[in-house]
Amino acid sequence: MTDVEANGARIPAIGLGTLGLKDEACAAAVKTAVRLGYRHIDTAERYGNEAEVGDGLHAGLHDAGLRREDVFVTTKVYHDKLAAADFERSVDQSLKKLKLPWVDLLLIHWPNPKVPLAETIGALCKAKREGRTRHIGVANFPSALIEEAVKLASEPLVTNQIEVHPFLDQSKVLAACRSHGLSVTAYCPLARGKVPGSLILERIGRALGKSAAQASLRYLVQQGLIVIPRTAKPDHLAANLAVFDFSLSEAETAEINALKRPDGRVVYPPHAPKWDT
C-alpha cells in the first residue's frame, strides 16, 4: 500500500469510505477491510455509524494482530457543529463512539458561512494540540476557502477531502491544495456507480486485465490522490486494493482526462459552498 505524505502526515492512498454503511453490515465491512489490508478508514459524525466503525476496527485489529497505530482513522465535524463549543462536543462524542482516545485525522466536514472560519479553525487546531487528533484538515473547501484556512491555521492542514473522479474537473482546487502542501482525498472516486458502464473506462480496464473501477482508482492514485471508495462487498474491497500492480499510459491518462465535464458533479447538497469553475 502506498502512502501519501503531506505536511507531516503519512496517509494510506486507499481507504474505506463508510458513508451509507450502517449497523452490523458497517462493522463487518470495516473488520473485513482491515483483514484484507486496508490501513485507512474514513467516517464522520454525520454518517451515524462511528460506533459500528469502532466495533469493526477493534475486531479487525484484534484478528489481524495489529496495533491501533497501524490503521489511519479519519472522522469529521459537520457544518451545524462548527461553533467552538459545539465543535469540541462533537469531537468528544466521536471519540467516545469510536472507542478511541484519538483519531489520526479530524476534518471540518463542510464549511459554514454562518460561523466565522477563524473560530472553527481555532477549535480544529485546539483539538490537535490537546492530542485528540494527530492531524487536521478540511473537506469540501473550494480554493478561496483553502487560502483562508491555511492563513488562519496555527497547525498544518494535511488534506482537503473533495469529490474527485474521471467525470469532474477539479484542477483549480487541486492546484490550490498542492501549492500549500495539502493532499487531496477523493470521495466518490467511482462517481456513485457511473464509472462501471463507461465505455472508455471499461475498455481501458479490459486492456489491462482490470475493471473500469480499478482503472478509475488507478487514474486517481497515479496523480498522487488518496481515494476512499465505499463498499461492503468483500470482493469489491479486495479489488479496490488491487491497483498498485499496473500503471496507465500517457495515452490512457489523456483519454480519461477527456471525460471531465462541467456538470460532472454527483454531490451537490444545499449547504455546499460556491465551487470552483
C-alpha atoms as a PDB file:
ATOM      1  CA  MET A   1       0.000   0.000   0.000  1.00  0.00           C
ATOM      2  CA  THR A   2       1.384   3.386  -0.994  1.00  0.00           C
ATOM      3  CA  ASP A   3       1.247   6.323   1.430  1.00  0.00           C
ATOM      4  CA  VAL A   4       0.771   9.971   0.514  1.00  0.00           C
ATOM      5  CA  GLU A   5       2.889  12.425   2.508  1.00  0.00           C
ATOM      6  CA  ALA A   6       1.516  15.874   3.263  1.00  0.00           C
ATOM      7  CA  ASN A   7       2.653  18.453   5.820  1.00  0.00           C
ATOM      8  CA  GLY A   8       3.964  15.837   8.240  1.00  0.00           C
ATOM      9  CA  ALA A   9       1.235  13.224   7.719  1.00  0.00           C
ATOM     10  CA  ARG A  10       1.560   9.844   6.014  1.00  0.00           C
ATOM     11  CA  ILE A  11      -1.877   8.829   4.734  1.00  0.00           C
ATOM     12  CA  PRO A  12      -2.542   5.454   3.088  1.00  0.00           C
ATOM     13  CA  ALA A  13      -3.503   6.112  -0.529  1.00  0.00           C
ATOM     14  CA  ILE A  14      -6.569   3.858  -0.382  1.00  0.00           C
ATOM     15  CA  GLY A  15      -9.089   3.915   2.419  1.00  0.00           C
ATOM     16  CA  LEU A  16     -12.549   2.563   3.061  1.00  0.00           C
ATOM     17  CA  GLY A  17     -15.297   5.177   2.779  1.00  0.00           C
ATOM     18  CA  THR A  18     -18.213   4.352   5.090  1.00  0.00           C
ATOM     19  CA  LEU A  19     -20.947   6.836   4.150  1.00  0.00           C
ATOM     20  CA  GLY A  20     -24.203   4.873   3.987  1.00  0.00           C
ATOM     21  CA  LEU A  21     -22.854   1.792   5.760  1.00  0.00           C
ATOM     22  CA  LYS A  22     -24.977   1.001   8.813  1.00  0.00           C
ATOM     23  CA  ASP A  23     -25.315  -1.404  11.723  1.00  0.00           C
ATOM     24  CA  GLU A  24     -23.726  -4.855  11.533  1.00  0.00           C
ATOM     25  CA  ALA A  25     -23.006  -4.505   7.802  1.00  0.00           C
ATOM     26  CA  CYS A  26     -20.815  -1.482   8.574  1.00  0.00           C
ATOM     27  CA  ALA A  27     -18.903  -3.228  11.366  1.00  0.00           C
ATOM     28  CA  ALA A  28     -18.424  -6.316   9.179  1.00  0.00           C
ATOM     29  CA  ALA A  29     -17.152  -4.235   6.237  1.00  0.00           C
ATOM     30  CA  VAL A  30     -14.595  -2.434   8.406  1.00  0.00           C
ATOM     31  CA  LYS A  31     -13.425  -5.686  10.013  1.00  0.00           C
ATOM     32  CA  THR A  32     -13.079  -7.346   6.591  1.00  0.00           C
ATOM     33  CA  ALA A  33     -11.270  -4.315   5.165  1.00  0.00           C
ATOM     34  CA  VAL A  34      -8.662  -4.395   7.923  1.00  0.00           C
ATOM     35  CA  ARG A  35      -8.186  -8.138   7.420  1.00  0.00           C
ATOM     36  CA  LEU A  36      -7.702  -7.613   3.655  1.00  0.00           C
ATOM     37  CA  GLY A  37      -5.033  -4.958   4.180  1.00  0.00           C
ATOM     38  CA  TYR A  38      -6.839  -1.632   4.409  1.00  0.00           C
ATOM     39  CA  ARG A  39      -4.964   0.728   6.721  1.00  0.00           C
ATOM     40  CA  HIS A  40      -7.215   3.770   6.327  1.00  0.00           C
ATOM     41  CA  ILE A  41     -10.853   4.030   7.452  1.00  0.00           C
ATOM     42  CA  ASP A  42     -12.972   7.148   6.849  1.00  0.00           C
ATOM     43  CA  THR A  43     -16.102   8.045   8.815  1.00  0.00           C
ATOM     44  CA  ALA A  44     -17.899  11.153  10.100  1.00  0.00           C
ATOM     45  CA  GLU A  45     -20.264  12.212  12.851  1.00  0.00           C
ATOM     46  CA  ARG A  46     -22.984  12.795  10.258  1.00  0.00           C
ATOM     47  CA  TYR A  47     -22.726   9.243   8.898  1.00  0.00           C
ATOM     48  CA  GLY A  48     -24.302   7.935  12.098  1.00  0.00           C
ATOM     49  CA  ASN A  49     -22.006   4.904  12.111  1.00  0.00           C
ATOM     50  CA  GLU A  50     -18.983   5.831  14.223  1.00  0.00           C
ATOM     51  CA  ALA A  51     -19.879   3.227  16.885  1.00  0.00           C
ATOM     52  CA  GLU A  52     -20.095   0.494  14.251  1.00  0.00           C
ATOM     53  CA  VAL A  53     -16.881   1.683  12.589  1.00  0.00           C
ATOM     54  CA  GLY A  54     -15.207   1.479  16.003  1.00  0.00           C
ATOM     55  CA  ASP A  55     -16.553  -2.033  16.599  1.00  0.00           C
ATOM     56  CA  GLY A  56     -15.317  -3.228  13.208  1.00  0.00           C
ATOM     57  CA  LEU A  57     -11.956  -1.529  13.658  1.00  0.00           C
ATOM     58  CA  HIS A  58     -11.277  -3.052  17.067  1.00  0.00           C
ATOM     59  CA  ALA A  59     -12.360  -6.510  15.863  1.00  0.00           C
ATOM     60  CA  GLY A  60     -10.194  -6.173  12.763  1.00  0.00           C
ATOM     61  CA  LEU A  61      -7.158  -5.040  14.762  1.00  0.00           C
ATOM     62  CA  HIS A  62      -7.574  -7.963  17.143  1.00  0.00           C
ATOM     63  CA  ASP A  63      -7.975 -10.565  14.398  1.00  0.00           C
ATOM     64  CA  ALA A  64      -5.027  -9.219  12.377  1.00  0.00           C
ATOM     65  CA  GLY A  65      -2.747  -8.791  15.396  1.00  0.00           C
ATOM     66  CA  LEU A  66      -2.375  -5.079  14.678  1.00  0.00           C
ATOM     67  CA  ARG A  67      -1.913  -2.090  16.968  1.00  0.00           C
ATOM     68  CA  ARG A  68      -4.187   0.945  16.996  1.00  0.00           C
ATOM     69  CA  GLU A  69      -1.359   2.919  15.375  1.00  0.00           C
ATOM     70  CA  ASP A  70      -1.388   0.621  12.344  1.00  0.00           C
ATOM     71  CA  VAL A  71      -4.715   1.914  10.956  1.00  0.00           C
ATOM     72  CA  PHE A  72      -5.297   5.552   9.974  1.00  0.00           C
ATOM     73  CA  VAL A  73      -8.754   6.693  11.135  1.00  0.00           C
ATOM     74  CA  THR A  74     -10.484   9.860   9.907  1.00  0.00           C
ATOM     75  CA  THR A  75     -13.640  11.474  11.245  1.00  0.00           C
ATOM     76  CA  LYS A  76     -15.330  14.815  10.647  1.00  0.00           C
ATOM     77  CA  VAL A  77     -17.329  17.550  12.374  1.00  0.00           C
ATOM     78  CA  TYR A  78     -20.490  18.524  10.493  1.00  0.00           C
ATOM     79  CA  HIS A  79     -21.324  22.047   9.339  1.00  0.00           C
ATOM     80  CA  ASP A  80     -24.008  22.541  12.024  1.00  0.00           C
ATOM     81  CA  LYS A  81     -21.453  21.993  14.814  1.00  0.00           C
ATOM     82  CA  LEU A  82     -18.707  24.437  13.823  1.00  0.00           C
ATOM     83  CA  ALA A  83     -19.052  26.965  16.670  1.00  0.00           C
ATOM     84  CA  ALA A  84     -16.185  26.308  19.109  1.00  0.00           C
ATOM     85  CA  ALA A  85     -18.196  24.734  21.947  1.00  0.00           C
ATOM     86  CA  ASP A  86     -20.276  22.615  19.557  1.00  0.00           C
ATOM     87  CA  PHE A  87     -17.138  21.534  17.731  1.00  0.00           C
ATOM     88  CA  GLU A  88     -15.481  20.368  20.937  1.00  0.00           C
ATOM     89  CA  ARG A  89     -18.568  18.390  21.985  1.00  0.00           C
ATOM     90  CA  SER A  90     -18.763  16.761  18.545  1.00  0.00           C
ATOM     91  CA  VAL A  91     -15.136  15.620  18.750  1.00  0.00           C
ATOM     92  CA  ASP A  92     -15.642  14.217  22.251  1.00  0.00           C
ATOM     93  CA  GLN A  93     -18.740  12.310  21.142  1.00  0.00           C
ATOM     94  CA  SER A  94     -16.971  10.942  18.059  1.00  0.00           C
ATOM     95  CA  LEU A  95     -14.075   9.616  20.129  1.00  0.00           C
ATOM     96  CA  LYS A  96     -16.487   8.047  22.598  1.00  0.00           C
ATOM     97  CA  LYS A  97     -18.451   6.306  19.826  1.00  0.00           C
ATOM     98  CA  LEU A  98     -15.283   5.123  18.090  1.00  0.00           C
ATOM     99  CA  LYS A  99     -13.874   3.987  21.468  1.00  0.00           C
ATOM    100  CA  LEU A 100     -10.613   5.710  20.648  1.00  0.00           C
ATOM    101  CA  PRO A 101      -8.511   8.199  22.641  1.00  0.00           C
ATOM    102  CA  TRP A 102      -7.589   9.972  19.419  1.00  0.00           C
ATOM    103  CA  VAL A 103      -8.106   9.854  15.661  1.00  0.00           C
ATOM    104  CA  ASP A 104      -5.418  10.224  13.033  1.00  0.00           C
ATOM    105  CA  LEU A 105      -7.251  12.919  11.097  1.00  0.00           C
ATOM    106  CA  LEU A 106     -10.027  15.318  12.051  1.00  0.00           C
ATOM    107  CA  LEU A 107     -11.780  17.307   9.325  1.00  0.00           C
ATOM    108  CA  ILE A 108     -14.244  20.159   9.048  1.00  0.00           C
ATOM    109  CA  HIS A 109     -16.863  18.250   7.055  1.00  0.00           C
ATOM    110  CA  TRP A 110     -18.385  21.227   5.198  1.00  0.00           C
ATOM    111  CA  PRO A 111     -17.756  24.975   5.552  1.00  0.00           C
ATOM    112  CA  ASN A 112     -20.468  27.082   7.178  1.00  0.00           C
ATOM    113  CA  PRO A 113     -20.603  30.791   6.278  1.00  0.00           C
ATOM    114  CA  LYS A 114     -22.728  31.461   9.385  1.00  0.00           C
ATOM    115  CA  VAL A 115     -19.818  30.584  11.693  1.00  0.00           C
ATOM    116  CA  PRO A 116     -16.552  32.551  11.413  1.00  0.00           C
ATOM    117  CA  LEU A 117     -13.940  30.316   9.845  1.00  0.00           C
ATOM    118  CA  ALA A 118     -11.391  31.639  12.349  1.00  0.00           C
ATOM    119  CA  GLU A 119     -13.475  30.227  15.210  1.00  0.00           C
ATOM    120  CA  THR A 120     -13.770  26.792  13.621  1.00  0.00           C
ATOM    121  CA  ILE A 121     -10.133  26.599  12.571  1.00  0.00           C
ATOM    122  CA  GLY A 122      -9.195  27.632  16.103  1.00  0.00           C
ATOM    123  CA  ALA A 123     -11.247  24.754  17.537  1.00  0.00           C
ATOM    124  CA  LEU A 124      -9.743  22.349  14.984  1.00  0.00           C
ATOM    125  CA  CYS A 125      -6.183  23.365  15.900  1.00  0.00           C
ATOM    126  CA  LYS A 126      -7.016  23.124  19.608  1.00  0.00           C
ATOM    127  CA  ALA A 127      -8.167  19.512  19.146  1.00  0.00           C
ATOM    128  CA  LYS A 128      -4.763  18.703  17.647  1.00  0.00           C
ATOM    129  CA  ARG A 129      -2.827  20.488  20.390  1.00  0.00           C
ATOM    130  CA  GLU A 130      -4.820  18.584  23.012  1.00  0.00           C
ATOM    131  CA  GLY A 131      -3.939  15.245  21.403  1.00  0.00           C
ATOM    132  CA  ARG A 132      -7.436  14.283  20.326  1.00  0.00           C
ATOM    133  CA  THR A 133      -6.243  14.073  16.723  1.00  0.00           C
ATOM    134  CA  ARG A 134      -2.811  13.600  15.216  1.00  0.00           C
ATOM    135  CA  HIS A 135      -3.568  15.636  12.094  1.00  0.00           C
ATOM    136  CA  ILE A 136      -6.187  18.096  10.890  1.00  0.00           C
ATOM    137  CA  GLY A 137      -7.717  19.132   7.594  1.00  0.00           C
ATOM    138  CA  VAL A 138     -10.832  20.227   5.784  1.00  0.00           C
ATOM    139  CA  ALA A 139     -13.415  18.796   3.411  1.00  0.00           C
ATOM    140  CA  ASN A 140     -15.414  20.382   0.607  1.00  0.00           C
ATOM    141  CA  PHE A 141     -13.348  23.571   0.645  1.00  0.00           C
ATOM    142  CA  PRO A 142     -13.010  25.387  -2.709  1.00  0.00           C
ATOM    143  CA  SER A 143      -9.738  27.138  -3.498  1.00  0.00           C
ATOM    144  CA  ALA A 144     -10.654  30.521  -1.950  1.00  0.00           C
ATOM    145  CA  LEU A 145     -11.517  28.872   1.364  1.00  0.00           C
ATOM    146  CA  ILE A 146      -8.310  26.810   1.239  1.00  0.00           C
ATOM    147  CA  GLU A 147      -6.322  30.040   1.055  1.00  0.00           C
ATOM    148  CA  GLU A 148      -8.238  31.479   4.012  1.00  0.00           C
ATOM    149  CA  ALA A 149      -7.994  28.313   6.107  1.00  0.00           C
ATOM    150  CA  VAL A 150      -4.232  27.975   5.612  1.00  0.00           C
ATOM    151  CA  LYS A 151      -3.698  31.568   6.767  1.00  0.00           C
ATOM    152  CA  LEU A 152      -5.853  31.044   9.864  1.00  0.00           C
ATOM    153  CA  ALA A 153      -4.439  27.673  10.937  1.00  0.00           C
ATOM    154  CA  SER A 154      -1.749  27.605  13.637  1.00  0.00           C
ATOM    155  CA  GLU A 155      -1.234  23.874  12.922  1.00  0.00           C
ATOM    156  CA  PRO A 156      -0.557  22.382   9.471  1.00  0.00           C
ATOM    157  CA  LEU A 157      -3.551  21.284   7.415  1.00  0.00           C
ATOM    158  CA  VAL A 158      -2.835  17.967   5.707  1.00  0.00           C
ATOM    159  CA  THR A 159      -5.763  17.283   3.349  1.00  0.00           C
ATOM    160  CA  ASN A 160      -8.844  18.623   1.620  1.00  0.00           C
ATOM    161  CA  GLN A 161     -11.415  15.867   1.092  1.00  0.00           C
ATOM    162  CA  ILE A 162     -13.443  16.635  -2.022  1.00  0.00           C
ATOM    163  CA  GLU A 163     -15.371  14.905  -4.776  1.00  0.00           C
ATOM    164  CA  VAL A 164     -12.917  13.716  -7.445  1.00  0.00           C
ATOM    165  CA  HIS A 165     -13.475  11.187 -10.235  1.00  0.00           C
ATOM    166  CA  PRO A 166     -12.882  10.988 -14.005  1.00  0.00           C
ATOM    167  CA  PHE A 167     -16.040  12.953 -14.865  1.00  0.00           C
ATOM    168  CA  LEU A 168     -15.292  16.105 -12.829  1.00  0.00           C
ATOM    169  CA  ASP A 169     -12.626  18.769 -13.417  1.00  0.00           C
ATOM    170  CA  GLN A 170     -11.157  19.770 -10.044  1.00  0.00           C
ATOM    171  CA  SER A 171      -7.891  21.172 -11.390  1.00  0.00           C
ATOM    172  CA  LYS A 172      -8.255  24.596  -9.736  1.00  0.00           C
ATOM    173  CA  VAL A 173      -8.778  23.322  -6.204  1.00  0.00           C
ATOM    174  CA  LEU A 174      -6.173  20.590  -6.712  1.00  0.00           C
ATOM    175  CA  ALA A 175      -3.635  23.266  -7.618  1.00  0.00           C
ATOM    176  CA  ALA A 176      -4.580  25.352  -4.559  1.00  0.00           C
ATOM    177  CA  CYS A 177      -4.109  22.357  -2.270  1.00  0.00           C
ATOM    178  CA  ARG A 178      -0.778  21.405  -3.790  1.00  0.00           C
ATOM    179  CA  SER A 179       0.523  24.951  -3.529  1.00  0.00           C
ATOM    180  CA  HIS A 180       0.180  24.655   0.262  1.00  0.00           C
ATOM    181  CA  GLY A 181       1.394  21.067   0.564  1.00  0.00           C
ATOM    182  CA  LEU A 182      -2.061  19.614   1.241  1.00  0.00           C
ATOM    183  CA  SER A 183      -3.002  16.205  -0.044  1.00  0.00           C
ATOM    184  CA  VAL A 184      -6.357  15.669  -1.712  1.00  0.00           C
ATOM    185  CA  THR A 185      -8.638  12.867  -0.569  1.00  0.00           C
ATOM    186  CA  ALA A 186     -11.091  11.888  -3.302  1.00  0.00           C
ATOM    187  CA  TYR A 187     -14.558  10.860  -2.203  1.00  0.00           C
ATOM    188  CA  CYS A 188     -16.998   9.315  -4.678  1.00  0.00           C
ATOM    189  CA  PRO A 189     -13.977   8.224  -6.771  1.00  0.00           C
ATOM    190  CA  LEU A 190     -16.291   5.936  -8.752  1.00  0.00           C
ATOM    191  CA  ALA A 191     -18.873   8.722  -9.235  1.00  0.00           C
ATOM    192  CA  ARG A 192     -21.552   6.811  -7.335  1.00  0.00           C
ATOM    193  CA  GLY A 193     -21.713   3.965  -9.800  1.00  0.00           C
ATOM    194  CA  LYS A 194     -21.146   5.924 -13.006  1.00  0.00           C
ATOM    195  CA  VAL A 195     -17.633   4.553 -13.591  1.00  0.00           C
ATOM    196  CA  PRO A 196     -18.731   0.956 -14.242  1.00  0.00           C
ATOM    197  CA  GLY A 197     -20.536   1.224 -17.547  1.00  0.00           C
ATOM    198  CA  SER A 198     -18.320   3.960 -19.005  1.00  0.00           C
ATOM    199  CA  LEU A 199     -17.313   2.509 -22.365  1.00  0.00           C
ATOM    200  CA  ILE A 200     -13.906   4.191 -22.295  1.00  0.00           C
ATOM    201  CA  LEU A 201     -13.076   3.137 -18.736  1.00  0.00           C
ATOM    202  CA  GLU A 202     -14.365  -0.381 -19.400  1.00  0.00           C
ATOM    203  CA  ARG A 203     -12.169  -0.656 -22.497  1.00  0.00           C
ATOM    204  CA  ILE A 204      -9.063   0.700 -20.760  1.00  0.00           C
ATOM    205  CA  GLY A 205      -9.604  -1.600 -17.798  1.00  0.00           C
ATOM    206  CA  ARG A 206     -10.194  -4.626 -20.006  1.00  0.00           C
ATOM    207  CA  ALA A 207      -6.947  -3.997 -21.917  1.00  0.00           C
ATOM    208  CA  LEU A 208      -5.081  -4.055 -18.599  1.00  0.00           C
ATOM    209  CA  GLY A 209      -6.882  -7.087 -17.222  1.00  0.00           C
ATOM    210  CA  LYS A 210      -8.685  -4.853 -14.758  1.00  0.00           C
ATOM    211  CA  SER A 211     -12.187  -3.471 -14.205  1.00  0.00           C
ATOM    212  CA  ALA A 212     -13.356   0.045 -15.054  1.00  0.00           C
ATOM    213  CA  ALA A 213     -13.428   0.776 -11.319  1.00  0.00           C
ATOM    214  CA  GLN A 214      -9.814  -0.310 -10.914  1.00  0.00           C
ATOM    215  CA  ALA A 215      -8.766   1.792 -13.910  1.00  0.00           C
ATOM    216  CA  SER A 216     -10.513   4.801 -12.382  1.00  0.00           C
ATOM    217  CA  LEU A 217      -8.929   4.328  -8.951  1.00  0.00           C
ATOM    218  CA  ARG A 218      -5.525   3.857 -10.579  1.00  0.00           C
ATOM    219  CA  TYR A 219      -6.052   7.081 -12.548  1.00  0.00           C
ATOM    220  CA  LEU A 220      -6.527   8.967  -9.277  1.00  0.00           C
ATOM    221  CA  VAL A 221      -3.769   7.377  -7.183  1.00  0.00           C
ATOM    222  CA  GLN A 222      -1.350   7.762 -10.097  1.00  0.00           C
ATOM    223  CA  GLN A 223      -1.889  11.523  -9.694  1.00  0.00           C
ATOM    224  CA  GLY A 224      -0.939  11.304  -6.021  1.00  0.00           C
ATOM    225  CA  LEU A 225      -4.518  11.455  -4.727  1.00  0.00           C
ATOM    226  CA  ILE A 226      -5.942   9.462  -1.815  1.00  0.00           C
ATOM    227  CA  VAL A 227      -9.130   7.553  -2.639  1.00  0.00           C
ATOM    228  CA  ILE A 228     -11.852   6.313  -0.272  1.00  0.00           C
ATOM    229  CA  PRO A 229     -14.295   4.173  -2.269  1.00  0.00           C
ATOM    230  CA  ARG A 230     -17.243   2.777  -0.313  1.00  0.00           C
ATOM    231  CA  THR A 231     -18.299  -0.842  -0.480  1.00  0.00           C
ATOM    232  CA  ALA A 232     -19.408  -3.570   1.903  1.00  0.00           C
ATOM    233  CA  LYS A 233     -18.765  -6.424  -0.553  1.00  0.00           C
ATOM    234  CA  PRO A 234     -15.605  -8.430   0.217  1.00  0.00           C
ATOM    235  CA  ASP A 235     -14.790  -8.983  -3.480  1.00  0.00           C
ATOM    236  CA  HIS A 236     -15.057  -5.258  -4.189  1.00  0.00           C
ATOM    237  CA  LEU A 237     -12.999  -4.435  -1.089  1.00  0.00           C
ATOM    238  CA  ALA A 238     -10.240  -6.697  -2.397  1.00  0.00           C
ATOM    239  CA  ALA A 239     -10.478  -5.392  -5.962  1.00  0.00           C
ATOM    240  CA  ASN A 240     -10.225  -1.762  -4.832  1.00  0.00           C
ATOM    241  CA  LEU A 241      -6.905  -2.518  -3.147  1.00  0.00           C
ATOM    242  CA  ALA A 242      -5.505  -4.179  -6.287  1.00  0.00           C
ATOM    243  CA  VAL A 243      -4.499  -1.014  -8.148  1.00  0.00           C
ATOM    244  CA  PHE A 244      -0.771  -0.904  -7.447  1.00  0.00           C
ATOM    245  CA  ASP A 245       0.349  -3.655  -9.822  1.00  0.00           C
ATOM    246  CA  PHE A 246      -0.266  -1.735 -13.060  1.00  0.00           C
ATOM    247  CA  SER A 247       0.014   1.780 -14.495  1.00  0.00           C
ATOM    248  CA  LEU A 248      -1.893   3.819 -17.032  1.00  0.00           C
ATOM    249  CA  SER A 249      -0.002   5.040 -20.083  1.00  0.00           C
ATOM    250  CA  GLU A 250       0.086   8.696 -21.077  1.00  0.00           C
ATOM    251  CA  ALA A 251      -2.401   7.939 -23.849  1.00  0.00           C
ATOM    252  CA  GLU A 252      -4.782   6.173 -21.455  1.00  0.00           C
ATOM    253  CA  THR A 253      -4.493   9.008 -18.955  1.00  0.00           C
ATOM    254  CA  ALA A 254      -5.237  11.566 -21.681  1.00  0.00           C
ATOM    255  CA  GLU A 255      -8.294   9.597 -22.736  1.00  0.00           C
ATOM    256  CA  ILE A 256      -9.626   9.581 -19.170  1.00  0.00           C
ATOM    257  CA  ASN A 257      -8.826  13.287 -18.770  1.00  0.00           C
ATOM    258  CA  ALA A 258     -11.135  13.963 -21.714  1.00  0.00           C
ATOM    259  CA  LEU A 259     -14.115  12.545 -19.764  1.00  0.00           C
ATOM    260  CA  LYS A 260     -14.304  15.599 -17.484  1.00  0.00           C
ATOM    261  CA  ARG A 261     -17.489  17.660 -17.795  1.00  0.00           C
ATOM    262  CA  PRO A 262     -18.662  20.924 -16.189  1.00  0.00           C
ATOM    263  CA  ASP A 263     -21.795  19.131 -14.954  1.00  0.00           C
ATOM    264  CA  GLY A 264     -19.974  16.037 -13.735  1.00  0.00           C
ATOM    265  CA  ARG A 265     -20.571  16.581 -10.030  1.00  0.00           C
ATOM    266  CA  VAL A 266     -22.651  13.921  -8.237  1.00  0.00           C
ATOM    267  CA  VAL A 267     -22.730  15.562  -4.777  1.00  0.00           C
ATOM    268  CA  TYR A 268     -24.486  18.928  -4.518  1.00  0.00           C
ATOM    269  CA  PRO A 269     -26.255  19.403  -1.163  1.00  0.00           C
ATOM    270  CA  PRO A 270     -27.993  22.707  -0.355  1.00  0.00           C
ATOM    271  CA  HIS A 271     -25.239  23.691   2.103  1.00  0.00           C
ATOM    272  CA  ALA A 272     -22.450  23.312  -0.490  1.00  0.00           C
ATOM    273  CA  PRO A 273     -20.099  26.272  -0.932  1.00  0.00           C
ATOM    274  CA  LYS A 274     -19.591  28.118  -4.216  1.00  0.00           C
ATOM    275  CA  TRP A 275     -17.489  25.602  -6.116  1.00  0.00           C
ATOM    276  CA  ASP A 276     -14.525  26.430  -8.312  1.00  0.00           C
ATOM    277  CA  THR A 277     -15.396  26.508 -12.002  1.00  0.00           C
END
